[in-house]
Amino acid sequence: MARRRFTEDEENAIRSRIVEAARRQIEADGLAALKARALAEGLGMATGKIYSYFADLDAVVVAVNSQTLARLDATIVAALPDRNEAPPREVLVGLALAYHRFAVDNVHLWSALFERASVTMRAPTAGWHLDEHLRLMGYITGALQRLSPTMGEADAWRHARTLLAAVHGIVSTALAGFFVAVPRDQVADELAFLVTRVCDGLQHARVG
């Protein structure tokens, strides 16, 4: 007797179960703890079943990271509902602080966005996933161009990358506990200081 084929809704439900189980594992123990065999056992399925729905474990991680980026975006939108009208300096500081809070509250899921960077580039869906990574950059470039209206798009993206890299570096080294890191209870103040000084420099350069 032929085995019944799953409907599209059933297939999607199984994919969602796999992604949700992987998300819980990463959230609890970090990306390094995610193993296909343990993931399958927890779901009551054979390991090969996972690969019927995802090309490899990296593809599962991409799906989890996609959810994490959506949550980060929702955090930013909630923290800065008037980000397109508020003073750009306040928006940029607010973005840095929202990024920091999200990282602290979701440390393993946030870290998974960066721990296996090559995953994003190898994934068959790399185009849309890269767009998700770049959404935060769009918020930054928009604020930078409002801060300095004569700034071209290429310069805005270059400055946005530099600013995000600096903010990420402060946050990641603090959470990792590196000896050169900013103490955790001072990170928010130092982020505000950094972003404010960058804004001062950009405005001074415009005046000059």
N, C-alpha and C. Protein backbone atom coordinates (compact mmCIF):
# COMPACT_ATOMS: atom_id res chain seq x y z
N MET A 1 0.85 -1.20 0.00
CA MET A 1 0.00 0.00 0.00
C MET A 1 0.89 1.25 0.00
N ALA A 2 0.63 2.15 -0.94
CA ALA A 2 1.46 3.35 -1.05
C ALA A 2 1.28 4.25 0.17
N ARG A 3 2.38 4.85 0.61
CA ARG A 3 2.33 5.77 1.74
C ARG A 3 1.65 7.07 1.32
N ARG A 4 0.78 7.58 2.18
CA ARG A 4 0.07 8.83 1.88
C ARG A 4 1.04 9.99 1.81
N ARG A 5 0.89 10.79 0.78
CA ARG A 5 1.73 11.97 0.65
C ARG A 5 1.20 13.08 1.55
N PHE A 6 2.14 13.81 2.16
CA PHE A 6 1.75 14.93 3.00
C PHE A 6 1.23 16.07 2.13
N THR A 7 0.28 16.79 2.67
CA THR A 7 -0.19 18.00 1.99
C THR A 7 0.85 19.10 2.17
N GLU A 8 0.70 20.18 1.40
CA GLU A 8 1.63 21.30 1.53
C GLU A 8 1.59 21.89 2.93
N ASP A 9 0.40 21.98 3.51
CA ASP A 9 0.29 22.51 4.87
C ASP A 9 0.99 21.60 5.87
N GLU A 10 0.88 20.30 5.68
CA GLU A 10 1.55 19.35 6.58
C GLU A 10 3.07 19.44 6.43
N GLU A 11 3.52 19.58 5.18
CA GLU A 11 4.97 19.73 4.94
C GLU A 11 5.49 21.00 5.62
N ASN A 12 4.76 22.09 5.50
CA ASN A 12 5.17 23.34 6.12
C ASN A 12 5.17 23.23 7.64
N ALA A 13 4.20 22.49 8.18
CA ALA A 13 4.14 22.30 9.64
C ALA A 13 5.34 21.52 10.13
N ILE A 14 5.78 20.54 9.37
CA ILE A 14 6.97 19.76 9.76
C ILE A 14 8.21 20.65 9.71
N ARG A 15 8.33 21.44 8.66
CA ARG A 15 9.46 22.37 8.58
C ARG A 15 9.47 23.31 9.78
N SER A 16 8.30 23.81 10.12
CA SER A 16 8.20 24.73 11.25
C SER A 16 8.60 24.05 12.55
N ARG A 17 8.22 22.79 12.72
CA ARG A 17 8.60 22.04 13.93
C ARG A 17 10.11 21.90 14.01
N ILE A 18 10.74 21.61 12.88
CA ILE A 18 12.20 21.45 12.86
C ILE A 18 12.88 22.77 13.23
N VAL A 19 12.43 23.85 12.63
CA VAL A 19 13.03 25.16 12.90
C VAL A 19 12.81 25.57 14.35
N GLU A 20 11.61 25.34 14.86
CA GLU A 20 11.32 25.72 16.24
C GLU A 20 12.17 24.91 17.22
N ALA A 21 12.34 23.63 16.96
CA ALA A 21 13.17 22.80 17.84
C ALA A 21 14.63 23.27 17.79
N ALA A 22 15.10 23.61 16.59
CA ALA A 22 16.47 24.11 16.46
C ALA A 22 16.62 25.45 17.18
N ARG A 23 15.61 26.30 17.05
CA ARG A 23 15.66 27.60 17.74
C ARG A 23 15.76 27.42 19.25
N ARG A 24 14.95 26.51 19.78
CA ARG A 24 14.99 26.28 21.23
C ARG A 24 16.35 25.75 21.67
N GLN A 25 16.94 24.87 20.85
CA GLN A 25 18.25 24.31 21.19
C GLN A 25 19.32 25.39 21.18
N ILE A 26 19.32 26.22 20.15
CA ILE A 26 20.31 27.31 20.07
C ILE A 26 20.10 28.30 21.21
N GLU A 27 18.84 28.65 21.46
CA GLU A 27 18.54 29.61 22.52
C GLU A 27 19.03 29.13 23.88
N ALA A 28 18.91 27.82 24.12
CA ALA A 28 19.28 27.26 25.42
C ALA A 28 20.78 27.06 25.56
N ASP A 29 21.41 26.55 24.51
CA ASP A 29 22.80 26.09 24.65
C ASP A 29 23.78 26.66 23.65
N GLY A 30 23.32 27.47 22.72
CA GLY A 30 24.22 28.04 21.73
C GLY A 30 24.28 27.22 20.46
N LEU A 31 24.79 27.83 19.40
CA LEU A 31 24.83 27.20 18.09
C LEU A 31 25.67 25.93 18.08
N ALA A 32 26.76 25.93 18.82
CA ALA A 32 27.66 24.77 18.81
C ALA A 32 26.96 23.50 19.30
N ALA A 33 25.91 23.67 20.09
CA ALA A 33 25.21 22.51 20.65
C ALA A 33 24.22 21.90 19.66
N LEU A 34 23.95 22.57 18.56
CA LEU A 34 22.96 22.08 17.60
C LEU A 34 23.56 20.94 16.77
N LYS A 35 22.99 19.75 16.93
CA LYS A 35 23.42 18.55 16.20
C LYS A 35 22.21 17.91 15.54
N ALA A 36 22.39 17.48 14.30
CA ALA A 36 21.26 16.94 13.54
C ALA A 36 20.65 15.72 14.22
N ARG A 37 21.48 14.81 14.72
CA ARG A 37 20.95 13.59 15.32
C ARG A 37 20.12 13.90 16.56
N ALA A 38 20.65 14.74 17.44
CA ALA A 38 19.91 15.10 18.65
C ALA A 38 18.63 15.87 18.30
N LEU A 39 18.72 16.72 17.29
CA LEU A 39 17.54 17.47 16.86
C LEU A 39 16.45 16.52 16.39
N ALA A 40 16.84 15.54 15.57
CA ALA A 40 15.87 14.57 15.05
C ALA A 40 15.28 13.72 16.17
N GLU A 41 16.12 13.28 17.09
CA GLU A 41 15.62 12.46 18.19
C GLU A 41 14.60 13.22 19.03
N GLY A 42 14.87 14.50 19.27
CA GLY A 42 13.94 15.31 20.05
C GLY A 42 12.60 15.48 19.37
N LEU A 43 12.61 15.38 18.04
CA LEU A 43 11.38 15.52 17.26
C LEU A 43 10.71 14.18 17.00
N GLY A 44 11.37 13.10 17.42
CA GLY A 44 10.81 11.77 17.18
C GLY A 44 10.86 11.35 15.73
N MET A 45 11.90 11.76 15.03
CA MET A 45 12.03 11.39 13.62
C MET A 45 13.47 10.95 13.33
N ALA A 46 13.65 10.28 12.21
CA ALA A 46 14.99 9.87 11.80
C ALA A 46 15.77 11.09 11.33
N THR A 47 17.10 11.02 11.48
CA THR A 47 17.93 12.15 11.06
C THR A 47 17.71 12.48 9.59
N GLY A 48 17.57 11.46 8.78
CA GLY A 48 17.36 11.68 7.35
C GLY A 48 16.11 12.46 7.04
N LYS A 49 15.14 12.40 7.95
CA LYS A 49 13.89 13.13 7.72
C LYS A 49 14.14 14.63 7.66
N ILE A 50 15.06 15.11 8.50
CA ILE A 50 15.39 16.54 8.48
C ILE A 50 15.87 16.95 7.09
N TYR A 51 16.68 16.07 6.47
CA TYR A 51 17.25 16.41 5.17
C TYR A 51 16.26 16.21 4.03
N SER A 52 15.07 15.74 4.36
CA SER A 52 14.00 15.74 3.37
C SER A 52 13.39 17.13 3.23
N TYR A 53 13.63 17.96 4.25
CA TYR A 53 13.04 19.30 4.27
C TYR A 53 14.07 20.41 4.19
N PHE A 54 15.32 20.11 4.55
CA PHE A 54 16.39 21.10 4.50
C PHE A 54 17.62 20.45 3.86
N ALA A 55 18.32 21.21 3.05
CA ALA A 55 19.48 20.66 2.34
C ALA A 55 20.54 20.15 3.30
N ASP A 56 20.73 20.86 4.40
CA ASP A 56 21.71 20.48 5.41
C ASP A 56 21.40 21.24 6.69
N LEU A 57 22.21 21.03 7.72
CA LEU A 57 21.95 21.70 8.99
C LEU A 57 22.14 23.20 8.87
N ASP A 58 23.03 23.63 8.00
CA ASP A 58 23.22 25.06 7.78
C ASP A 58 21.92 25.72 7.32
N ALA A 59 21.16 25.03 6.49
CA ALA A 59 19.90 25.59 6.01
C ALA A 59 18.90 25.76 7.15
N VAL A 60 18.96 24.85 8.13
CA VAL A 60 18.12 24.99 9.32
C VAL A 60 18.55 26.23 10.10
N VAL A 61 19.85 26.43 10.23
CA VAL A 61 20.38 27.59 10.95
C VAL A 61 19.95 28.88 10.25
N VAL A 62 19.98 28.90 8.93
CA VAL A 62 19.53 30.08 8.19
C VAL A 62 18.08 30.38 8.51
N ALA A 63 17.25 29.35 8.59
CA ALA A 63 15.83 29.55 8.92
C ALA A 63 15.66 30.12 10.32
N VAL A 64 16.45 29.62 11.27
CA VAL A 64 16.40 30.16 12.63
C VAL A 64 16.89 31.60 12.63
N ASN A 65 17.99 31.86 11.94
CA ASN A 65 18.53 33.21 11.90
C ASN A 65 17.54 34.19 11.26
N SER A 66 16.79 33.71 10.28
CA SER A 66 15.78 34.56 9.66
C SER A 66 14.75 35.02 10.70
N GLN A 67 14.33 34.10 11.55
CA GLN A 67 13.39 34.45 12.62
C GLN A 67 14.02 35.43 13.60
N THR A 68 15.29 35.21 13.92
CA THR A 68 15.98 36.09 14.86
C THR A 68 16.08 37.50 14.30
N LEU A 69 16.40 37.62 13.02
CA LEU A 69 16.48 38.94 12.40
C LEU A 69 15.13 39.63 12.37
N ALA A 70 14.07 38.86 12.18
CA ALA A 70 12.72 39.45 12.22
C ALA A 70 12.41 39.97 13.61
N ARG A 71 12.84 39.24 14.63
CA ARG A 71 12.62 39.69 16.01
C ARG A 71 13.45 40.92 16.33
N LEU A 72 14.69 40.97 15.82
CA LEU A 72 15.52 42.16 16.00
C LEU A 72 14.86 43.37 15.34
N ASP A 73 14.35 43.16 14.13
CA ASP A 73 13.68 44.25 13.43
C ASP A 73 12.46 44.73 14.21
N ALA A 74 11.68 43.79 14.76
CA ALA A 74 10.50 44.16 15.54
C ALA A 74 10.89 44.93 16.79
N THR A 75 12.01 44.55 17.40
CA THR A 75 12.51 45.25 18.58
C THR A 75 12.85 46.70 18.24
N ILE A 76 13.50 46.89 17.11
CA ILE A 76 13.88 48.24 16.69
C ILE A 76 12.65 49.07 16.37
N VAL A 77 11.71 48.49 15.64
CA VAL A 77 10.49 49.21 15.27
C VAL A 77 9.72 49.62 16.52
N ALA A 78 9.66 48.72 17.51
CA ALA A 78 8.94 49.04 18.75
C ALA A 78 9.66 50.12 19.55
N ALA A 79 10.99 50.07 19.54
CA ALA A 79 11.77 51.05 20.32
C ALA A 79 11.80 52.42 19.66
N LEU A 80 11.69 52.45 18.33
CA LEU A 80 11.81 53.71 17.59
C LEU A 80 10.65 53.85 16.60
N PRO A 81 9.44 53.97 17.09
CA PRO A 81 8.30 54.06 16.18
C PRO A 81 8.32 55.30 15.29
N ASP A 82 8.99 56.36 15.74
CA ASP A 82 9.06 57.59 14.95
C ASP A 82 10.45 57.79 14.35
N ARG A 83 11.11 56.67 14.01
CA ARG A 83 12.50 56.74 13.57
C ARG A 83 12.68 57.54 12.28
N ASN A 84 11.62 57.70 11.49
CA ASN A 84 11.75 58.45 10.23
C ASN A 84 11.53 59.95 10.42
N GLU A 85 11.06 60.36 11.60
CA GLU A 85 10.82 61.77 11.86
C GLU A 85 11.64 62.33 13.02
N ALA A 86 12.02 61.47 13.97
CA ALA A 86 12.77 61.92 15.15
C ALA A 86 14.14 62.45 14.73
N PRO A 87 14.76 63.31 15.55
CA PRO A 87 16.10 63.79 15.24
C PRO A 87 17.05 62.62 14.96
N PRO A 88 17.79 62.66 13.86
CA PRO A 88 18.61 61.51 13.47
C PRO A 88 19.63 61.09 14.52
N ARG A 89 20.16 62.05 15.28
CA ARG A 89 21.10 61.71 16.34
C ARG A 89 20.41 60.80 17.37
N GLU A 90 19.18 61.15 17.75
CA GLU A 90 18.43 60.32 18.71
C GLU A 90 18.14 58.94 18.13
N VAL A 91 17.84 58.90 16.84
CA VAL A 91 17.54 57.62 16.18
C VAL A 91 18.77 56.72 16.20
N LEU A 92 19.92 57.27 15.87
CA LEU A 92 21.14 56.47 15.81
C LEU A 92 21.53 55.95 17.19
N VAL A 93 21.40 56.79 18.21
CA VAL A 93 21.66 56.32 19.58
C VAL A 93 20.64 55.25 19.94
N GLY A 94 19.38 55.48 19.61
CA GLY A 94 18.33 54.51 19.92
C GLY A 94 18.55 53.18 19.23
N LEU A 95 19.03 53.21 17.99
CA LEU A 95 19.34 51.97 17.27
C LEU A 95 20.43 51.19 17.99
N ALA A 96 21.47 51.87 18.41
CA ALA A 96 22.57 51.21 19.11
C ALA A 96 22.10 50.59 20.42
N LEU A 97 21.27 51.31 21.16
CA LEU A 97 20.79 50.81 22.44
C LEU A 97 19.82 49.64 22.25
N ALA A 98 18.96 49.72 21.23
CA ALA A 98 18.04 48.62 20.95
C ALA A 98 18.81 47.37 20.53
N TYR A 99 19.86 47.56 19.73
CA TYR A 99 20.71 46.44 19.31
C TYR A 99 21.35 45.78 20.53
N HIS A 100 21.85 46.60 21.43
CA HIS A 100 22.47 46.08 22.64
C HIS A 100 21.47 45.32 23.49
N ARG A 101 20.30 45.88 23.71
CA ARG A 101 19.30 45.20 24.54
C ARG A 101 18.89 43.85 23.93
N PHE A 102 18.73 43.83 22.62
CA PHE A 102 18.34 42.59 21.97
C PHE A 102 19.43 41.53 22.15
N ALA A 103 20.69 41.93 21.99
CA ALA A 103 21.79 40.99 22.14
C ALA A 103 21.85 40.43 23.56
N VAL A 104 21.65 41.28 24.55
CA VAL A 104 21.68 40.83 25.95
C VAL A 104 20.53 39.87 26.23
N ASP A 105 19.36 40.19 25.70
CA ASP A 105 18.17 39.38 25.98
C ASP A 105 18.11 38.09 25.18
N ASN A 106 18.89 38.02 24.09
CA ASN A 106 18.84 36.85 23.20
C ASN A 106 20.25 36.44 22.79
N VAL A 107 21.11 36.28 23.78
CA VAL A 107 22.54 36.21 23.49
C VAL A 107 22.90 35.05 22.56
N HIS A 108 22.36 33.86 22.77
CA HIS A 108 22.74 32.73 21.92
C HIS A 108 22.18 32.87 20.51
N LEU A 109 20.93 33.29 20.40
CA LEU A 109 20.34 33.47 19.07
C LEU A 109 21.02 34.61 18.32
N TRP A 110 21.33 35.69 19.03
CA TRP A 110 22.05 36.81 18.42
C TRP A 110 23.44 36.37 17.96
N SER A 111 24.15 35.62 18.81
CA SER A 111 25.49 35.16 18.44
C SER A 111 25.46 34.25 17.23
N ALA A 112 24.39 33.47 17.09
CA ALA A 112 24.29 32.54 15.95
C ALA A 112 24.25 33.28 14.62
N LEU A 113 23.86 34.53 14.64
CA LEU A 113 23.84 35.32 13.40
C LEU A 113 25.25 35.51 12.85
N PHE A 114 26.26 35.41 13.71
CA PHE A 114 27.63 35.74 13.31
C PHE A 114 28.61 34.58 13.48
N GLU A 115 28.23 33.56 14.24
CA GLU A 115 29.19 32.49 14.54
C GLU A 115 29.53 31.63 13.34
N ARG A 116 28.62 31.55 12.39
CA ARG A 116 28.87 30.76 11.19
C ARG A 116 28.55 31.62 9.99
N ALA A 117 29.35 32.67 9.80
CA ALA A 117 29.04 33.68 8.78
C ALA A 117 28.94 33.08 7.38
N SER A 118 29.72 32.03 7.11
CA SER A 118 29.71 31.45 5.77
C SER A 118 28.38 30.79 5.45
N VAL A 119 27.58 30.49 6.48
CA VAL A 119 26.27 29.88 6.25
C VAL A 119 25.43 30.77 5.34
N THR A 120 25.42 32.04 5.63
CA THR A 120 24.61 32.98 4.85
C THR A 120 25.02 32.98 3.39
N MET A 121 26.31 32.92 3.13
CA MET A 121 26.79 33.02 1.77
C MET A 121 26.58 31.72 1.00
N ARG A 122 26.57 30.57 1.69
CA ARG A 122 26.41 29.29 1.01
C ARG A 122 24.96 28.90 0.78
N ALA A 123 24.06 29.50 1.55
CA ALA A 123 22.67 29.08 1.49
C ALA A 123 22.07 29.37 0.12
N PRO A 124 21.25 28.44 -0.40
CA PRO A 124 20.58 28.69 -1.68
C PRO A 124 19.73 29.95 -1.66
N THR A 125 19.23 30.31 -0.48
CA THR A 125 18.38 31.48 -0.34
C THR A 125 19.18 32.70 0.12
N ALA A 126 20.46 32.72 -0.23
CA ALA A 126 21.34 33.78 0.29
C ALA A 126 20.84 35.17 -0.04
N GLY A 127 20.20 35.36 -1.21
CA GLY A 127 19.75 36.69 -1.60
C GLY A 127 18.77 37.29 -0.61
N TRP A 128 17.68 36.58 -0.33
CA TRP A 128 16.70 37.13 0.60
C TRP A 128 17.25 37.20 2.01
N HIS A 129 18.12 36.24 2.39
CA HIS A 129 18.65 36.26 3.75
C HIS A 129 19.61 37.42 3.94
N LEU A 130 20.40 37.72 2.93
CA LEU A 130 21.28 38.89 3.01
C LEU A 130 20.46 40.17 3.13
N ASP A 131 19.33 40.22 2.41
CA ASP A 131 18.46 41.39 2.53
C ASP A 131 17.99 41.57 3.97
N GLU A 132 17.70 40.47 4.66
CA GLU A 132 17.27 40.56 6.05
C GLU A 132 18.39 41.11 6.93
N HIS A 133 19.62 40.67 6.67
CA HIS A 133 20.76 41.19 7.42
C HIS A 133 20.95 42.68 7.18
N LEU A 134 20.62 43.14 5.97
CA LEU A 134 20.88 44.53 5.61
C LEU A 134 19.78 45.48 6.05
N ARG A 135 18.68 44.97 6.60
CA ARG A 135 17.58 45.85 6.99
C ARG A 135 18.03 46.85 8.05
N LEU A 136 18.81 46.40 9.03
CA LEU A 136 19.31 47.30 10.06
C LEU A 136 20.18 48.37 9.43
N MET A 137 20.97 47.99 8.43
CA MET A 137 21.82 48.97 7.76
C MET A 137 20.97 50.06 7.11
N GLY A 138 19.80 49.67 6.60
CA GLY A 138 18.92 50.65 5.99
C GLY A 138 18.45 51.70 6.98
N TYR A 139 18.16 51.28 8.20
CA TYR A 139 17.76 52.25 9.23
C TYR A 139 18.90 53.22 9.53
N ILE A 140 20.12 52.68 9.57
CA ILE A 140 21.27 53.53 9.90
C ILE A 140 21.55 54.52 8.76
N THR A 141 21.55 54.03 7.53
CA THR A 141 21.84 54.93 6.42
C THR A 141 20.78 56.03 6.31
N GLY A 142 19.53 55.68 6.56
CA GLY A 142 18.48 56.69 6.50
C GLY A 142 18.71 57.80 7.50
N ALA A 143 19.08 57.43 8.72
CA ALA A 143 19.34 58.44 9.76
C ALA A 143 20.58 59.25 9.42
N LEU A 144 21.61 58.61 8.89
CA LEU A 144 22.83 59.33 8.54
C LEU A 144 22.57 60.37 7.45
N GLN A 145 21.75 60.01 6.48
CA GLN A 145 21.48 60.95 5.39
C GLN A 145 20.56 62.09 5.84
N ARG A 146 19.75 61.85 6.86
CA ARG A 146 18.98 62.96 7.42
C ARG A 146 19.88 63.86 8.27
N LEU A 147 20.87 63.24 8.92
CA LEU A 147 21.82 64.01 9.71
C LEU A 147 22.67 64.89 8.81
N SER A 148 23.05 64.34 7.66
CA SER A 148 23.90 65.07 6.72
C SER A 148 23.28 64.94 5.33
N PRO A 149 22.34 65.82 4.98
CA PRO A 149 21.58 65.69 3.73
C PRO A 149 22.41 65.65 2.46
N THR A 150 23.63 66.16 2.50
CA THR A 150 24.47 66.15 1.30
C THR A 150 25.25 64.85 1.15
N MET A 151 25.12 63.96 2.12
CA MET A 151 25.86 62.70 2.09
C MET A 151 25.29 61.80 0.99
N GLY A 152 26.14 61.31 0.12
CA GLY A 152 25.72 60.40 -0.94
C GLY A 152 25.42 59.02 -0.39
N GLU A 153 24.74 58.22 -1.19
CA GLU A 153 24.33 56.89 -0.73
C GLU A 153 25.54 56.00 -0.45
N ALA A 154 26.55 56.07 -1.31
CA ALA A 154 27.73 55.23 -1.11
C ALA A 154 28.43 55.58 0.21
N ASP A 155 28.57 56.88 0.49
CA ASP A 155 29.19 57.30 1.74
C ASP A 155 28.33 56.90 2.94
N ALA A 156 27.02 57.01 2.78
CA ALA A 156 26.12 56.64 3.88
C ALA A 156 26.27 55.16 4.22
N TRP A 157 26.34 54.32 3.21
CA TRP A 157 26.51 52.88 3.47
C TRP A 157 27.88 52.59 4.08
N ARG A 158 28.90 53.30 3.61
CA ARG A 158 30.24 53.09 4.18
C ARG A 158 30.28 53.50 5.64
N HIS A 159 29.73 54.65 5.97
CA HIS A 159 29.71 55.10 7.36
C HIS A 159 28.82 54.20 8.22
N ALA A 160 27.72 53.71 7.64
CA ALA A 160 26.82 52.83 8.38
C ALA A 160 27.53 51.52 8.74
N ARG A 161 28.28 50.98 7.80
CA ARG A 161 29.02 49.74 8.08
C ARG A 161 30.03 49.97 9.21
N THR A 162 30.74 51.10 9.14
CA THR A 162 31.72 51.41 10.17
C THR A 162 31.06 51.57 11.54
N LEU A 163 29.94 52.29 11.56
CA LEU A 163 29.25 52.52 12.83
C LEU A 163 28.69 51.22 13.39
N LEU A 164 28.07 50.40 12.56
CA LEU A 164 27.53 49.13 13.04
C LEU A 164 28.66 48.21 13.52
N ALA A 165 29.77 48.20 12.80
CA ALA A 165 30.90 47.37 13.23
C ALA A 165 31.41 47.81 14.59
N ALA A 166 31.46 49.12 14.82
CA ALA A 166 31.93 49.62 16.12
C ALA A 166 30.97 49.25 17.23
N VAL A 167 29.66 49.45 16.99
CA VAL A 167 28.65 49.10 17.99
C VAL A 167 28.69 47.60 18.27
N HIS A 168 28.74 46.82 17.20
CA HIS A 168 28.79 45.36 17.37
C HIS A 168 30.03 44.94 18.15
N GLY A 169 31.15 45.57 17.86
CA GLY A 169 32.38 45.22 18.58
C GLY A 169 32.27 45.48 20.07
N ILE A 170 31.71 46.62 20.44
CA ILE A 170 31.54 46.94 21.86
C ILE A 170 30.61 45.93 22.53
N VAL A 171 29.51 45.62 21.86
CA VAL A 171 28.53 44.70 22.44
C VAL A 171 29.10 43.28 22.53
N SER A 172 29.71 42.81 21.46
CA SER A 172 30.17 41.42 21.44
C SER A 172 31.33 41.18 22.41
N THR A 173 32.26 42.12 22.50
CA THR A 173 33.37 41.92 23.43
C THR A 173 32.89 41.99 24.89
N ALA A 174 31.90 42.84 25.15
CA ALA A 174 31.36 42.93 26.51
C ALA A 174 30.65 41.62 26.89
N LEU A 175 29.85 41.09 25.97
CA LEU A 175 29.12 39.85 26.27
C LEU A 175 30.07 38.66 26.37
N ALA A 176 31.17 38.71 25.62
CA ALA A 176 32.15 37.62 25.69
C ALA A 176 33.04 37.72 26.92
N GLY A 177 33.04 38.88 27.57
CA GLY A 177 33.84 39.06 28.78
C GLY A 177 35.32 39.24 28.51
N PHE A 178 35.67 39.74 27.32
CA PHE A 178 37.08 39.97 27.03
C PHE A 178 37.67 40.98 28.01
N PHE A 179 38.95 40.83 28.32
CA PHE A 179 39.55 41.70 29.34
C PHE A 179 39.63 43.15 28.88
N VAL A 180 39.60 43.39 27.57
CA VAL A 180 39.64 44.76 27.06
C VAL A 180 38.23 45.34 26.87
N ALA A 181 37.22 44.57 27.20
CA ALA A 181 35.84 44.98 26.92
C ALA A 181 35.37 46.08 27.87
N VAL A 182 34.40 46.84 27.39
CA VAL A 182 33.71 47.79 28.26
C VAL A 182 32.93 46.99 29.30
N PRO A 183 33.00 47.35 30.58
CA PRO A 183 32.20 46.65 31.59
C PRO A 183 30.73 46.64 31.20
N ARG A 184 30.06 45.53 31.47
CA ARG A 184 28.69 45.36 30.97
C ARG A 184 27.75 46.46 31.47
N ASP A 185 27.98 46.92 32.69
CA ASP A 185 27.07 47.94 33.22
C ASP A 185 27.34 49.33 32.65
N GLN A 186 28.37 49.44 31.81
CA GLN A 186 28.70 50.73 31.20
C GLN A 186 28.49 50.74 29.68
N VAL A 187 28.07 49.61 29.14
CA VAL A 187 27.97 49.49 27.68
C VAL A 187 27.00 50.51 27.09
N ALA A 188 25.82 50.63 27.68
CA ALA A 188 24.82 51.55 27.13
C ALA A 188 25.35 52.98 27.08
N ASP A 189 25.99 53.42 28.16
CA ASP A 189 26.54 54.77 28.20
C ASP A 189 27.63 54.96 27.15
N GLU A 190 28.47 53.95 26.99
CA GLU A 190 29.57 54.07 26.02
C GLU A 190 29.05 54.03 24.58
N LEU A 191 28.00 53.26 24.34
CA LEU A 191 27.40 53.26 23.01
C LEU A 191 26.83 54.64 22.68
N ALA A 192 26.14 55.22 23.64
CA ALA A 192 25.58 56.56 23.42
C ALA A 192 26.70 57.57 23.17
N PHE A 193 27.79 57.45 23.93
CA PHE A 193 28.95 58.34 23.76
C PHE A 193 29.54 58.18 22.36
N LEU A 194 29.76 56.94 21.96
CA LEU A 194 30.36 56.67 20.65
C LEU A 194 29.51 57.24 19.52
N VAL A 195 28.23 56.91 19.52
CA VAL A 195 27.36 57.34 18.43
C VAL A 195 27.23 58.86 18.40
N THR A 196 27.14 59.47 19.57
CA THR A 196 27.04 60.93 19.62
C THR A 196 28.28 61.59 19.05
N ARG A 197 29.46 61.03 19.39
CA ARG A 197 30.69 61.62 18.86
C ARG A 197 30.79 61.44 17.34
N VAL A 198 30.32 60.30 16.83
CA VAL A 198 30.31 60.10 15.38
C VAL A 198 29.41 61.14 14.72
N CYS A 199 28.25 61.37 15.31
CA CYS A 199 27.33 62.38 14.77
C CYS A 199 27.96 63.76 14.80
N ASP A 200 28.63 64.08 15.90
CA ASP A 200 29.32 65.37 16.00
C ASP A 200 30.34 65.52 14.87
N GLY A 201 31.08 64.44 14.64
CA GLY A 201 32.12 64.48 13.59
C GLY A 201 31.53 64.66 12.21
N LEU A 202 30.43 63.99 11.94
CA LEU A 202 29.80 64.11 10.62
C LEU A 202 29.24 65.52 10.42
N GLN A 203 28.64 66.06 11.46
CA GLN A 203 28.07 67.41 11.35
C GLN A 203 29.19 68.45 11.23
N HIS A 204 30.28 68.25 11.93
CA HIS A 204 31.42 69.17 11.83
C HIS A 204 32.02 69.12 10.43
N ALA A 205 32.13 67.91 9.89
CA ALA A 205 32.67 67.77 8.53
C ALA A 205 31.77 68.47 7.51
N ARG A 206 30.44 68.38 7.73
CA ARG A 206 29.51 69.04 6.82
C ARG A 206 29.67 70.56 6.88
N VAL A 207 29.82 71.08 8.12
CA VAL A 207 29.99 72.52 8.29
C VAL A 207 31.31 72.97 7.69
N GLY A 208 32.35 72.14 7.95
CA GLY A 208 33.67 72.50 7.45
C GLY A 208 33.72 72.48 5.93
